[in-house]
Amino acid sequence: MRSNYISILFIVIIFYSCSNENDKVSVSLKGNTKEDVTLSIKDKEDVNNVVESEKILSKRKINTNSIRVNSGNKIEIEGTIELLLPNRFETMPRETIKLKYPSAARPSSVYTNKEGTVNIALNHTITPMDNQGVDAYKIQFEGQLIQMGAKLIKSESIVKNGKNQVILEFISRAMDGSIYNLFVISHMDNHLVMVTFNCLDKEREEWSETAKKIIDSIKFSS
């Protein structure tokens, strides 16, 4: 596939707002009092159990069939993405997706934790793509990451189920901190498809193993 079939990539950064300071919780009581409460050992264990329960994964099959309109032309794309997803993650409402991804290239669907700080985004695009195009797209993607000041951790090309795939791991910058990203790029129904895991970089150690399990589990239909 010639490089002119490759569309310009829109990388969207989600702005997060969360804190975790020395295992303390600030509790606001209704009325005229306010106090800081330090978590007991049991409370910390309970919090850890909740976090670990978020990482319990189950297999899901997600249908990406849709009809898109591009320059007045209707484009029908079809496909199924099979992957592991955390049981506690919820589907992000379309209105929230529009707010977090203010771009025409926003994901087809997003799965997120309760706080909205850990996200798995799926995007089956209308950009024509095949095995050769995936290899060319990798070069374009890496160049844009460098221009944006991202720190590239890993970039590799693999073949899985007969499809060329690109795995990218990098740290991007946001206004209130750094974001850890793990991407897989491939093609499905002759169109570009991307699956993205991201979270705050300070949560990378906590989530990176789970993120890699999710990315490794992905199977794209033909």
N, C-alpha and C. Protein backbone atom coordinates (compact mmCIF):
# COMPACT_ATOMS: atom_id res chain seq x y z
N MET A 1 0.85 -1.19 0.00
CA MET A 1 0.00 0.00 0.00
C MET A 1 0.88 1.23 0.00
N ARG A 2 0.60 2.16 -0.83
CA ARG A 2 1.42 3.37 -0.94
C ARG A 2 1.19 4.24 0.28
N SER A 3 2.21 5.04 0.62
CA SER A 3 2.16 5.85 1.83
C SER A 3 1.08 6.90 1.77
N ASN A 4 0.61 7.26 0.55
CA ASN A 4 -0.40 8.31 0.48
C ASN A 4 -1.76 7.82 0.96
N TYR A 5 -1.88 6.52 1.23
CA TYR A 5 -3.12 6.03 1.80
C TYR A 5 -3.15 6.20 3.31
N ILE A 6 -2.00 6.58 3.87
CA ILE A 6 -1.92 6.67 5.32
C ILE A 6 -2.38 8.05 5.78
N SER A 7 -3.37 8.07 6.62
CA SER A 7 -3.92 9.34 7.08
C SER A 7 -3.06 9.93 8.18
N ILE A 8 -3.23 11.21 8.44
CA ILE A 8 -2.51 11.87 9.52
C ILE A 8 -3.07 11.37 10.84
N LEU A 9 -2.17 11.00 11.73
CA LEU A 9 -2.57 10.46 13.01
C LEU A 9 -2.91 11.56 14.00
N PHE A 10 -4.04 11.41 14.67
CA PHE A 10 -4.42 12.33 15.72
C PHE A 10 -4.20 11.62 17.05
N ILE A 11 -3.25 12.12 17.84
CA ILE A 11 -3.00 11.54 19.15
C ILE A 11 -3.68 12.43 20.18
N VAL A 12 -4.58 11.85 20.92
CA VAL A 12 -5.37 12.60 21.87
C VAL A 12 -4.91 12.28 23.28
N ILE A 13 -4.62 13.29 24.04
CA ILE A 13 -4.21 13.11 25.42
C ILE A 13 -5.39 13.36 26.34
N ILE A 14 -5.66 12.41 27.23
CA ILE A 14 -6.71 12.58 28.21
C ILE A 14 -6.11 13.28 29.42
N PHE A 15 -6.78 14.30 29.93
CA PHE A 15 -6.29 15.02 31.08
C PHE A 15 -6.90 14.42 32.34
N TYR A 16 -6.03 14.03 33.24
CA TYR A 16 -6.45 13.33 34.44
C TYR A 16 -6.39 14.28 35.64
N SER A 17 -7.17 13.98 36.64
CA SER A 17 -7.10 14.70 37.90
C SER A 17 -7.31 13.70 39.01
N CYS A 18 -6.22 13.29 39.67
CA CYS A 18 -6.33 12.35 40.78
C CYS A 18 -5.13 12.54 41.67
N SER A 19 -5.22 12.06 42.87
CA SER A 19 -4.11 12.21 43.80
C SER A 19 -4.03 10.99 44.70
N ASN A 20 -2.81 10.79 45.26
CA ASN A 20 -2.59 9.67 46.16
C ASN A 20 -1.39 10.04 47.02
N GLU A 21 -1.63 10.67 48.12
CA GLU A 21 -0.54 11.24 48.91
C GLU A 21 -0.36 10.49 50.20
N ASN A 22 0.73 9.69 50.27
CA ASN A 22 1.16 9.03 51.50
C ASN A 22 0.06 8.22 52.17
N ASP A 23 -0.76 7.57 51.40
CA ASP A 23 -1.80 6.69 51.93
C ASP A 23 -2.73 7.39 52.90
N LYS A 24 -2.96 8.70 52.71
CA LYS A 24 -3.90 9.43 53.58
C LYS A 24 -5.14 9.78 52.79
N VAL A 25 -6.25 9.81 53.51
CA VAL A 25 -7.51 10.17 52.88
C VAL A 25 -8.09 11.37 53.59
N SER A 26 -8.41 12.40 52.85
CA SER A 26 -9.05 13.58 53.43
C SER A 26 -10.55 13.38 53.40
N VAL A 27 -11.17 13.39 54.59
CA VAL A 27 -12.59 13.12 54.69
C VAL A 27 -13.32 14.39 55.07
N SER A 28 -14.25 14.82 54.25
CA SER A 28 -15.06 16.00 54.56
C SER A 28 -16.36 15.55 55.20
N LEU A 29 -16.61 15.99 56.43
CA LEU A 29 -17.83 15.62 57.13
C LEU A 29 -18.86 16.72 56.99
N LYS A 30 -20.10 16.34 56.81
CA LYS A 30 -21.15 17.34 56.70
C LYS A 30 -21.29 18.04 58.05
N GLY A 31 -21.44 19.33 58.02
CA GLY A 31 -21.53 20.11 59.23
C GLY A 31 -20.40 21.11 59.27
N ASN A 32 -19.84 21.33 60.45
CA ASN A 32 -18.81 22.35 60.60
C ASN A 32 -17.42 21.78 60.83
N THR A 33 -17.24 20.45 60.69
CA THR A 33 -15.94 19.87 60.98
C THR A 33 -15.34 19.22 59.77
N LYS A 34 -14.02 19.18 59.76
CA LYS A 34 -13.26 18.53 58.68
C LYS A 34 -12.00 17.96 59.29
N GLU A 35 -11.65 16.70 58.97
CA GLU A 35 -10.48 16.11 59.57
C GLU A 35 -9.80 15.17 58.60
N ASP A 36 -8.49 14.97 58.81
CA ASP A 36 -7.73 14.02 58.02
C ASP A 36 -7.68 12.69 58.76
N VAL A 37 -7.92 11.63 58.03
CA VAL A 37 -7.92 10.30 58.63
C VAL A 37 -6.83 9.47 57.98
N THR A 38 -5.91 8.91 58.79
CA THR A 38 -4.88 8.04 58.26
C THR A 38 -5.42 6.63 58.21
N LEU A 39 -5.26 5.98 57.06
CA LEU A 39 -5.78 4.63 56.89
C LEU A 39 -5.09 3.66 57.83
N SER A 40 -5.87 2.80 58.48
CA SER A 40 -5.30 1.74 59.29
C SER A 40 -4.75 0.66 58.36
N ILE A 41 -3.99 -0.28 58.92
CA ILE A 41 -3.45 -1.37 58.11
C ILE A 41 -4.57 -2.14 57.45
N LYS A 42 -5.65 -2.40 58.17
CA LYS A 42 -6.78 -3.13 57.60
C LYS A 42 -7.40 -2.34 56.45
N ASP A 43 -7.54 -1.02 56.64
CA ASP A 43 -8.11 -0.17 55.58
C ASP A 43 -7.24 -0.23 54.33
N LYS A 44 -5.92 -0.19 54.51
CA LYS A 44 -5.00 -0.25 53.37
C LYS A 44 -5.16 -1.58 52.64
N GLU A 45 -5.33 -2.66 53.40
CA GLU A 45 -5.53 -3.97 52.79
C GLU A 45 -6.81 -4.00 51.99
N ASP A 46 -7.86 -3.35 52.54
CA ASP A 46 -9.14 -3.30 51.82
C ASP A 46 -8.99 -2.54 50.51
N VAL A 47 -8.26 -1.41 50.54
CA VAL A 47 -8.03 -0.63 49.33
C VAL A 47 -7.26 -1.45 48.30
N ASN A 48 -6.21 -2.15 48.77
CA ASN A 48 -5.43 -3.00 47.87
C ASN A 48 -6.28 -4.09 47.25
N ASN A 49 -7.19 -4.65 48.05
CA ASN A 49 -8.07 -5.70 47.52
C ASN A 49 -8.97 -5.16 46.42
N VAL A 50 -9.45 -3.91 46.60
CA VAL A 50 -10.30 -3.30 45.58
C VAL A 50 -9.50 -3.10 44.30
N VAL A 51 -8.26 -2.59 44.45
CA VAL A 51 -7.40 -2.36 43.28
C VAL A 51 -7.14 -3.68 42.56
N GLU A 52 -6.81 -4.73 43.31
CA GLU A 52 -6.52 -6.02 42.69
C GLU A 52 -7.76 -6.58 42.00
N SER A 53 -8.94 -6.35 42.58
CA SER A 53 -10.16 -6.87 41.97
C SER A 53 -10.43 -6.19 40.63
N GLU A 54 -9.93 -4.96 40.47
CA GLU A 54 -10.08 -4.25 39.20
C GLU A 54 -9.32 -4.95 38.09
N LYS A 55 -8.30 -5.72 38.46
CA LYS A 55 -7.41 -6.33 37.47
C LYS A 55 -7.83 -7.74 37.08
N ILE A 56 -8.92 -8.24 37.63
CA ILE A 56 -9.42 -9.56 37.23
C ILE A 56 -9.97 -9.44 35.81
N LEU A 57 -9.45 -10.26 34.91
CA LEU A 57 -9.76 -10.13 33.49
C LEU A 57 -10.70 -11.23 33.01
N SER A 58 -11.49 -10.91 32.02
CA SER A 58 -12.34 -11.91 31.36
C SER A 58 -12.35 -11.62 29.87
N LYS A 59 -12.55 -12.66 29.08
CA LYS A 59 -12.51 -12.54 27.63
C LYS A 59 -13.78 -11.86 27.11
N ARG A 60 -13.58 -10.93 26.19
CA ARG A 60 -14.70 -10.23 25.57
C ARG A 60 -14.54 -10.22 24.06
N LYS A 61 -15.66 -10.25 23.36
CA LYS A 61 -15.66 -10.07 21.91
C LYS A 61 -16.44 -8.81 21.60
N ILE A 62 -15.80 -7.87 20.94
CA ILE A 62 -16.40 -6.57 20.68
C ILE A 62 -16.58 -6.38 19.19
N ASN A 63 -17.81 -6.14 18.79
CA ASN A 63 -18.14 -5.95 17.38
C ASN A 63 -17.90 -4.49 17.00
N THR A 64 -17.17 -4.28 15.91
CA THR A 64 -16.86 -2.91 15.48
C THR A 64 -17.62 -2.51 14.22
N ASN A 65 -18.63 -3.28 13.84
CA ASN A 65 -19.38 -2.98 12.62
C ASN A 65 -19.99 -1.59 12.68
N SER A 66 -19.81 -0.82 11.65
CA SER A 66 -20.41 0.51 11.60
C SER A 66 -20.40 1.03 10.17
N ILE A 67 -21.17 2.08 9.96
CA ILE A 67 -21.18 2.77 8.67
C ILE A 67 -20.73 4.20 8.92
N ARG A 68 -19.66 4.63 8.28
CA ARG A 68 -19.12 5.97 8.46
C ARG A 68 -19.35 6.78 7.19
N VAL A 69 -19.42 8.07 7.37
CA VAL A 69 -19.56 8.97 6.23
C VAL A 69 -18.30 9.79 6.09
N ASN A 70 -17.68 9.74 4.92
CA ASN A 70 -16.45 10.47 4.67
C ASN A 70 -16.58 11.19 3.33
N SER A 71 -16.55 12.52 3.37
CA SER A 71 -16.69 13.34 2.16
C SER A 71 -17.95 12.97 1.38
N GLY A 72 -19.02 12.72 2.13
CA GLY A 72 -20.30 12.40 1.51
C GLY A 72 -20.46 10.95 1.10
N ASN A 73 -19.39 10.17 1.25
CA ASN A 73 -19.46 8.75 0.88
C ASN A 73 -19.63 7.87 2.11
N LYS A 74 -20.51 6.88 2.01
CA LYS A 74 -20.72 5.95 3.11
C LYS A 74 -19.69 4.82 3.02
N ILE A 75 -19.01 4.57 4.13
CA ILE A 75 -18.01 3.51 4.19
C ILE A 75 -18.43 2.52 5.27
N GLU A 76 -18.61 1.27 4.89
CA GLU A 76 -19.02 0.24 5.84
C GLU A 76 -17.79 -0.56 6.28
N ILE A 77 -17.60 -0.63 7.59
CA ILE A 77 -16.48 -1.42 8.11
C ILE A 77 -17.04 -2.48 9.06
N GLU A 78 -16.38 -3.63 9.05
CA GLU A 78 -16.83 -4.75 9.87
C GLU A 78 -15.64 -5.37 10.58
N GLY A 79 -15.90 -5.97 11.72
CA GLY A 79 -14.83 -6.67 12.41
C GLY A 79 -15.21 -7.01 13.83
N THR A 80 -14.41 -7.89 14.42
CA THR A 80 -14.58 -8.28 15.81
C THR A 80 -13.21 -8.30 16.49
N ILE A 81 -13.12 -7.65 17.64
CA ILE A 81 -11.89 -7.65 18.43
C ILE A 81 -12.13 -8.51 19.66
N GLU A 82 -11.30 -9.51 19.81
CA GLU A 82 -11.37 -10.38 21.00
C GLU A 82 -10.21 -10.04 21.91
N LEU A 83 -10.50 -9.78 23.18
CA LEU A 83 -9.43 -9.41 24.12
C LEU A 83 -9.89 -9.62 25.55
N LEU A 84 -8.94 -9.56 26.47
CA LEU A 84 -9.25 -9.61 27.89
C LEU A 84 -9.50 -8.19 28.39
N LEU A 85 -10.55 -8.03 29.19
CA LEU A 85 -10.86 -6.73 29.80
C LEU A 85 -11.10 -6.91 31.29
N PRO A 86 -10.72 -5.91 32.10
CA PRO A 86 -11.01 -5.99 33.53
C PRO A 86 -12.51 -6.08 33.78
N ASN A 87 -12.91 -6.98 34.67
CA ASN A 87 -14.33 -7.19 34.93
C ASN A 87 -15.04 -5.94 35.41
N ARG A 88 -14.33 -5.12 36.18
CA ARG A 88 -14.96 -3.95 36.79
C ARG A 88 -15.02 -2.74 35.87
N PHE A 89 -14.35 -2.81 34.72
CA PHE A 89 -14.37 -1.68 33.81
C PHE A 89 -15.74 -1.54 33.16
N GLU A 90 -16.12 -0.29 32.95
CA GLU A 90 -17.42 0.01 32.36
C GLU A 90 -17.23 0.67 30.99
N THR A 91 -18.25 0.56 30.17
CA THR A 91 -18.22 1.23 28.88
C THR A 91 -18.40 2.73 29.09
N MET A 92 -17.51 3.51 28.52
CA MET A 92 -17.61 4.96 28.66
C MET A 92 -18.74 5.47 27.77
N PRO A 93 -19.66 6.28 28.32
CA PRO A 93 -20.75 6.83 27.51
C PRO A 93 -20.23 7.67 26.35
N ARG A 94 -20.97 7.70 25.25
CA ARG A 94 -20.55 8.43 24.06
C ARG A 94 -20.31 9.91 24.36
N GLU A 95 -21.15 10.50 25.19
CA GLU A 95 -20.97 11.92 25.51
C GLU A 95 -19.66 12.18 26.24
N THR A 96 -19.29 11.25 27.12
CA THR A 96 -18.02 11.38 27.84
C THR A 96 -16.84 11.20 26.89
N ILE A 97 -16.97 10.26 25.95
CA ILE A 97 -15.92 10.05 24.95
C ILE A 97 -15.70 11.33 24.15
N LYS A 98 -16.78 12.00 23.79
CA LYS A 98 -16.68 13.24 23.02
C LYS A 98 -15.94 14.32 23.80
N LEU A 99 -16.14 14.34 25.12
CA LEU A 99 -15.47 15.34 25.95
C LEU A 99 -14.00 15.02 26.15
N LYS A 100 -13.69 13.75 26.36
CA LYS A 100 -12.31 13.35 26.62
C LYS A 100 -11.47 13.25 25.34
N TYR A 101 -12.16 12.98 24.22
CA TYR A 101 -11.46 12.84 22.94
C TYR A 101 -12.06 13.84 21.94
N PRO A 102 -11.76 15.12 22.10
CA PRO A 102 -12.36 16.15 21.24
C PRO A 102 -11.74 16.16 19.84
N SER A 103 -11.99 15.10 19.09
CA SER A 103 -11.38 14.98 17.77
C SER A 103 -12.25 14.08 16.91
N ALA A 104 -12.20 14.32 15.62
CA ALA A 104 -12.95 13.47 14.69
C ALA A 104 -12.39 12.04 14.69
N ALA A 105 -11.16 11.88 15.19
CA ALA A 105 -10.53 10.57 15.23
C ALA A 105 -10.72 9.88 16.57
N ARG A 106 -11.76 10.25 17.31
CA ARG A 106 -11.99 9.65 18.62
C ARG A 106 -12.25 8.15 18.50
N PRO A 107 -11.99 7.38 19.56
CA PRO A 107 -12.15 5.93 19.53
C PRO A 107 -13.58 5.49 19.26
N SER A 108 -13.71 4.28 18.73
CA SER A 108 -15.04 3.71 18.52
C SER A 108 -15.70 3.39 19.85
N SER A 109 -14.91 2.90 20.81
CA SER A 109 -15.42 2.59 22.14
C SER A 109 -14.29 2.66 23.15
N VAL A 110 -14.64 2.95 24.41
CA VAL A 110 -13.66 3.06 25.48
C VAL A 110 -14.19 2.33 26.71
N TYR A 111 -13.31 1.60 27.37
CA TYR A 111 -13.65 0.92 28.62
C TYR A 111 -12.76 1.51 29.70
N THR A 112 -13.35 1.81 30.86
CA THR A 112 -12.63 2.59 31.86
C THR A 112 -12.96 2.14 33.27
N ASN A 113 -12.07 2.47 34.22
CA ASN A 113 -12.35 2.18 35.62
C ASN A 113 -13.32 3.22 36.17
N LYS A 114 -13.73 3.05 37.39
CA LYS A 114 -14.75 3.92 37.99
C LYS A 114 -14.30 5.37 38.01
N GLU A 115 -13.00 5.59 38.27
CA GLU A 115 -12.47 6.96 38.36
C GLU A 115 -12.20 7.56 36.98
N GLY A 116 -12.19 6.75 35.95
CA GLY A 116 -11.90 7.26 34.61
C GLY A 116 -10.44 7.55 34.38
N THR A 117 -9.55 6.98 35.21
CA THR A 117 -8.11 7.27 35.11
C THR A 117 -7.34 6.17 34.38
N VAL A 118 -7.96 5.01 34.19
CA VAL A 118 -7.35 3.92 33.44
C VAL A 118 -8.29 3.57 32.30
N ASN A 119 -7.79 3.62 31.07
CA ASN A 119 -8.67 3.49 29.90
C ASN A 119 -8.12 2.50 28.88
N ILE A 120 -9.04 1.79 28.24
CA ILE A 120 -8.72 0.92 27.11
C ILE A 120 -9.60 1.37 25.96
N ALA A 121 -8.98 1.92 24.92
CA ALA A 121 -9.72 2.50 23.81
C ALA A 121 -9.55 1.65 22.56
N LEU A 122 -10.65 1.44 21.84
CA LEU A 122 -10.64 0.70 20.58
C LEU A 122 -11.05 1.64 19.46
N ASN A 123 -10.29 1.62 18.37
CA ASN A 123 -10.61 2.51 17.27
C ASN A 123 -10.43 1.78 15.93
N HIS A 124 -11.55 1.42 15.32
CA HIS A 124 -11.54 0.81 13.99
C HIS A 124 -11.85 1.94 13.00
N THR A 125 -10.85 2.39 12.28
CA THR A 125 -10.96 3.61 11.50
C THR A 125 -11.35 3.32 10.04
N ILE A 126 -11.55 4.38 9.29
CA ILE A 126 -11.86 4.23 7.86
C ILE A 126 -10.60 4.37 7.00
N THR A 127 -9.44 4.48 7.64
CA THR A 127 -8.18 4.58 6.90
C THR A 127 -7.85 3.23 6.27
N PRO A 128 -7.70 3.17 4.94
CA PRO A 128 -7.34 1.90 4.29
C PRO A 128 -5.99 1.39 4.83
N MET A 129 -5.91 0.07 5.07
CA MET A 129 -4.69 -0.47 5.65
C MET A 129 -4.55 -1.95 5.33
N ASP A 130 -3.27 -2.37 5.15
CA ASP A 130 -2.95 -3.78 4.98
C ASP A 130 -1.61 -4.03 5.66
N ASN A 131 -1.05 -5.22 5.49
CA ASN A 131 0.20 -5.54 6.18
C ASN A 131 1.32 -4.58 5.84
N GLN A 132 1.46 -4.25 4.57
CA GLN A 132 2.51 -3.34 4.16
C GLN A 132 2.30 -1.94 4.73
N GLY A 133 1.05 -1.52 4.76
CA GLY A 133 0.72 -0.20 5.29
C GLY A 133 1.01 -0.08 6.78
N VAL A 134 0.82 -1.18 7.52
CA VAL A 134 1.10 -1.17 8.96
C VAL A 134 2.56 -0.85 9.22
N ASP A 135 3.45 -1.46 8.43
CA ASP A 135 4.89 -1.21 8.59
C ASP A 135 5.23 0.26 8.33
N ALA A 136 4.61 0.85 7.31
CA ALA A 136 4.85 2.26 6.99
C ALA A 136 4.26 3.17 8.07
N TYR A 137 3.11 2.77 8.61
CA TYR A 137 2.44 3.57 9.64
C TYR A 137 3.29 3.65 10.90
N LYS A 138 4.01 2.59 11.20
CA LYS A 138 4.89 2.55 12.38
C LYS A 138 5.90 3.70 12.32
N ILE A 139 6.50 3.90 11.15
CA ILE A 139 7.50 4.97 11.00
C ILE A 139 6.85 6.34 11.21
N GLN A 140 5.66 6.52 10.64
CA GLN A 140 4.95 7.79 10.78
C GLN A 140 4.59 8.05 12.24
N PHE A 141 4.10 7.02 12.90
CA PHE A 141 3.67 7.14 14.29
C PHE A 141 4.85 7.54 15.18
N GLU A 142 5.97 6.83 15.02
CA GLU A 142 7.14 7.12 15.84
C GLU A 142 7.62 8.56 15.65
N GLY A 143 7.57 9.03 14.41
CA GLY A 143 7.98 10.40 14.13
C GLY A 143 7.11 11.42 14.83
N GLN A 144 5.81 11.17 14.86
CA GLN A 144 4.90 12.09 15.52
C GLN A 144 5.10 12.07 17.03
N LEU A 145 5.38 10.89 17.59
CA LEU A 145 5.65 10.80 19.03
C LEU A 145 6.87 11.63 19.40
N ILE A 146 7.91 11.54 18.61
CA ILE A 146 9.13 12.30 18.87
C ILE A 146 8.86 13.80 18.81
N GLN A 147 8.07 14.22 17.81
CA GLN A 147 7.73 15.64 17.66
C GLN A 147 6.94 16.14 18.87
N MET A 148 6.14 15.27 19.46
CA MET A 148 5.32 15.65 20.62
C MET A 148 6.10 15.59 21.93
N GLY A 149 7.35 15.14 21.87
CA GLY A 149 8.16 15.07 23.08
C GLY A 149 7.89 13.85 23.92
N ALA A 150 7.29 12.81 23.32
CA ALA A 150 7.01 11.59 24.06
C ALA A 150 8.30 10.79 24.26
N LYS A 151 8.34 10.01 25.33
CA LYS A 151 9.48 9.14 25.61
C LYS A 151 9.13 7.73 25.15
N LEU A 152 9.81 7.25 24.12
CA LEU A 152 9.52 5.94 23.56
C LEU A 152 10.24 4.87 24.38
N ILE A 153 9.46 3.93 24.92
CA ILE A 153 10.01 2.85 25.72
C ILE A 153 10.26 1.61 24.86
N LYS A 154 9.32 1.31 23.99
CA LYS A 154 9.41 0.09 23.19
C LYS A 154 8.70 0.29 21.87
N SER A 155 9.27 -0.26 20.81
CA SER A 155 8.64 -0.23 19.50
C SER A 155 9.04 -1.50 18.77
N GLU A 156 8.07 -2.33 18.45
CA GLU A 156 8.40 -3.58 17.76
C GLU A 156 7.31 -3.96 16.77
N SER A 157 7.72 -4.70 15.76
CA SER A 157 6.79 -5.22 14.76
C SER A 157 6.71 -6.73 14.92
N ILE A 158 5.48 -7.26 14.91
CA ILE A 158 5.29 -8.69 15.04
C ILE A 158 4.26 -9.14 14.01
N VAL A 159 4.17 -10.45 13.81
CA VAL A 159 3.12 -11.03 12.98
C VAL A 159 2.31 -11.97 13.86
N LYS A 160 1.01 -11.73 13.91
CA LYS A 160 0.13 -12.53 14.76
C LYS A 160 -1.11 -12.89 13.96
N ASN A 161 -1.38 -14.17 13.86
CA ASN A 161 -2.53 -14.66 13.08
C ASN A 161 -2.51 -14.13 11.65
N GLY A 162 -1.30 -14.04 11.08
CA GLY A 162 -1.16 -13.60 9.70
C GLY A 162 -1.24 -12.11 9.49
N LYS A 163 -1.38 -11.34 10.57
CA LYS A 163 -1.49 -9.88 10.46
C LYS A 163 -0.24 -9.21 11.02
N ASN A 164 0.30 -8.25 10.28
CA ASN A 164 1.37 -7.41 10.83
C ASN A 164 0.80 -6.52 11.92
N GLN A 165 1.53 -6.46 13.03
CA GLN A 165 1.11 -5.61 14.14
C GLN A 165 2.30 -4.81 14.64
N VAL A 166 2.01 -3.62 15.14
CA VAL A 166 3.03 -2.78 15.75
C VAL A 166 2.66 -2.58 17.22
N ILE A 167 3.62 -2.83 18.10
CA ILE A 167 3.43 -2.61 19.53
C ILE A 167 4.28 -1.41 19.94
N LEU A 168 3.64 -0.40 20.51
CA LEU A 168 4.34 0.80 20.94
C LEU A 168 4.06 1.06 22.42
N GLU A 169 5.12 1.31 23.15
CA GLU A 169 5.00 1.63 24.57
C GLU A 169 5.73 2.95 24.79
N PHE A 170 5.04 3.94 25.36
CA PHE A 170 5.67 5.26 25.49
C PHE A 170 5.01 6.08 26.59
N ILE A 171 5.71 7.12 26.99
CA ILE A 171 5.21 8.07 27.98
C ILE A 171 4.94 9.38 27.27
N SER A 172 3.71 9.86 27.36
CA SER A 172 3.36 11.15 26.76
C SER A 172 3.15 12.18 27.86
N ARG A 173 3.18 13.43 27.48
CA ARG A 173 3.06 14.51 28.44
C ARG A 173 1.66 15.10 28.44
N ALA A 174 1.18 15.44 29.62
CA ALA A 174 -0.11 16.12 29.77
C ALA A 174 0.09 17.28 30.73
N MET A 175 -0.92 18.15 30.84
CA MET A 175 -0.79 19.35 31.65
C MET A 175 -0.56 19.03 33.12
N ASP A 176 -1.19 17.94 33.61
CA ASP A 176 -1.10 17.64 35.04
C ASP A 176 -0.31 16.36 35.32
N GLY A 177 0.57 15.97 34.40
CA GLY A 177 1.39 14.79 34.65
C GLY A 177 1.71 14.04 33.37
N SER A 178 2.40 12.92 33.54
CA SER A 178 2.77 12.09 32.40
C SER A 178 1.82 10.90 32.29
N ILE A 179 1.61 10.44 31.05
CA ILE A 179 0.67 9.36 30.77
C ILE A 179 1.42 8.17 30.19
N TYR A 180 1.17 7.00 30.76
CA TYR A 180 1.73 5.76 30.24
C TYR A 180 0.79 5.19 29.18
N ASN A 181 1.34 4.85 28.02
CA ASN A 181 0.54 4.34 26.89
C ASN A 181 1.11 3.04 26.37
N LEU A 182 0.22 2.10 26.05
CA LEU A 182 0.61 0.87 25.38
C LEU A 182 -0.35 0.66 24.21
N PHE A 183 0.19 0.70 22.99
CA PHE A 183 -0.60 0.66 21.75
C PHE A 183 -0.38 -0.64 21.01
N VAL A 184 -1.41 -1.11 20.32
CA VAL A 184 -1.22 -2.10 19.27
C VAL A 184 -1.91 -1.56 18.02
N ILE A 185 -1.22 -1.62 16.90
CA ILE A 185 -1.73 -1.11 15.63
C ILE A 185 -1.73 -2.25 14.62
N SER A 186 -2.85 -2.42 13.90
CA SER A 186 -2.92 -3.47 12.89
C SER A 186 -4.01 -3.10 11.89
N HIS A 187 -4.58 -4.09 11.23
CA HIS A 187 -5.65 -3.83 10.27
C HIS A 187 -6.73 -4.89 10.40
N MET A 188 -7.94 -4.52 10.06
CA MET A 188 -9.09 -5.41 10.12
C MET A 188 -10.09 -4.94 9.08
N ASP A 189 -10.58 -5.86 8.29
CA ASP A 189 -11.49 -5.53 7.19
C ASP A 189 -10.85 -4.47 6.27
N ASN A 190 -9.53 -4.59 6.08
CA ASN A 190 -8.77 -3.68 5.21
C ASN A 190 -8.76 -2.23 5.68
N HIS A 191 -8.94 -2.04 6.99
CA HIS A 191 -8.89 -0.69 7.57
C HIS A 191 -8.04 -0.71 8.84
N LEU A 192 -7.43 0.44 9.11
CA LEU A 192 -6.58 0.60 10.28
C LEU A 192 -7.38 0.37 11.56
N VAL A 193 -6.79 -0.40 12.50
CA VAL A 193 -7.41 -0.61 13.80
C VAL A 193 -6.34 -0.41 14.88
N MET A 194 -6.72 0.25 15.97
CA MET A 194 -5.81 0.51 17.08
C MET A 194 -6.50 0.19 18.40
N VAL A 195 -5.73 -0.40 19.31
CA VAL A 195 -6.20 -0.61 20.68
C VAL A 195 -5.17 0.03 21.60
N THR A 196 -5.65 0.84 22.53
CA THR A 196 -4.77 1.62 23.38
C THR A 196 -5.08 1.40 24.85
N PHE A 197 -4.05 1.18 25.64
CA PHE A 197 -4.18 1.19 27.10
C PHE A 197 -3.45 2.42 27.59
N ASN A 198 -4.07 3.20 28.48
CA ASN A 198 -3.32 4.29 29.09
C ASN A 198 -3.75 4.54 30.53
N CYS A 199 -2.80 5.07 31.30
CA CYS A 199 -3.06 5.43 32.70
C CYS A 199 -2.01 6.46 33.10
N LEU A 200 -2.13 7.02 34.29
CA LEU A 200 -1.11 7.94 34.79
C LEU A 200 0.22 7.20 34.90
N ASP A 201 1.30 7.88 34.56
CA ASP A 201 2.60 7.24 34.62
C ASP A 201 2.93 6.78 36.04
N LYS A 202 2.44 7.51 37.03
CA LYS A 202 2.72 7.11 38.42
C LYS A 202 1.98 5.82 38.79
N GLU A 203 1.02 5.41 37.96
CA GLU A 203 0.33 4.14 38.17
C GLU A 203 0.86 3.05 37.25
N ARG A 204 1.93 3.35 36.51
CA ARG A 204 2.45 2.40 35.53
C ARG A 204 2.88 1.08 36.18
N GLU A 205 3.62 1.16 37.27
CA GLU A 205 4.10 -0.05 37.92
C GLU A 205 2.94 -0.93 38.36
N GLU A 206 1.88 -0.29 38.81
CA GLU A 206 0.70 -1.01 39.28
C GLU A 206 -0.07 -1.68 38.15
N TRP A 207 -0.08 -1.05 36.95
CA TRP A 207 -0.94 -1.52 35.87
C TRP A 207 -0.22 -2.12 34.66
N SER A 208 1.11 -1.95 34.55
CA SER A 208 1.78 -2.36 33.32
C SER A 208 1.66 -3.85 33.02
N GLU A 209 1.74 -4.69 34.04
CA GLU A 209 1.62 -6.13 33.82
C GLU A 209 0.24 -6.49 33.27
N THR A 210 -0.79 -5.88 33.85
CA THR A 210 -2.16 -6.11 33.37
C THR A 210 -2.32 -5.57 31.96
N ALA A 211 -1.74 -4.40 31.69
CA ALA A 211 -1.84 -3.80 30.35
C ALA A 211 -1.24 -4.74 29.30
N LYS A 212 -0.10 -5.33 29.61
CA LYS A 212 0.55 -6.22 28.65
C LYS A 212 -0.25 -7.50 28.43
N LYS A 213 -0.89 -7.99 29.48
CA LYS A 213 -1.77 -9.16 29.32
C LYS A 213 -2.92 -8.84 28.38
N ILE A 214 -3.48 -7.63 28.53
CA ILE A 214 -4.59 -7.21 27.68
C ILE A 214 -4.14 -7.12 26.23
N ILE A 215 -3.02 -6.43 25.98
CA ILE A 215 -2.53 -6.25 24.62
C ILE A 215 -2.15 -7.60 24.00
N ASP A 216 -1.51 -8.47 24.79
CA ASP A 216 -1.11 -9.79 24.28
C ASP A 216 -2.31 -10.66 23.92
N SER A 217 -3.44 -10.40 24.55
CA SER A 217 -4.63 -11.24 24.33
C SER A 217 -5.41 -10.89 23.08
N ILE A 218 -5.09 -9.77 22.46
CA ILE A 218 -5.91 -9.25 21.36
C ILE A 218 -5.86 -10.14 20.11
N LYS A 219 -7.04 -10.40 19.58
CA LYS A 219 -7.17 -11.10 18.30
C LYS A 219 -8.11 -10.30 17.41
N PHE A 220 -7.63 -9.94 16.23
CA PHE A 220 -8.45 -9.21 15.27
C PHE A 220 -9.04 -10.19 14.25
N SER A 221 -10.31 -9.98 13.89
CA SER A 221 -10.89 -10.79 12.83
C SER A 221 -10.28 -10.39 11.50
N SER A 222 -10.60 -11.13 10.44
CA SER A 222 -9.97 -10.87 9.14
C SER A 222 -10.43 -9.56 8.53
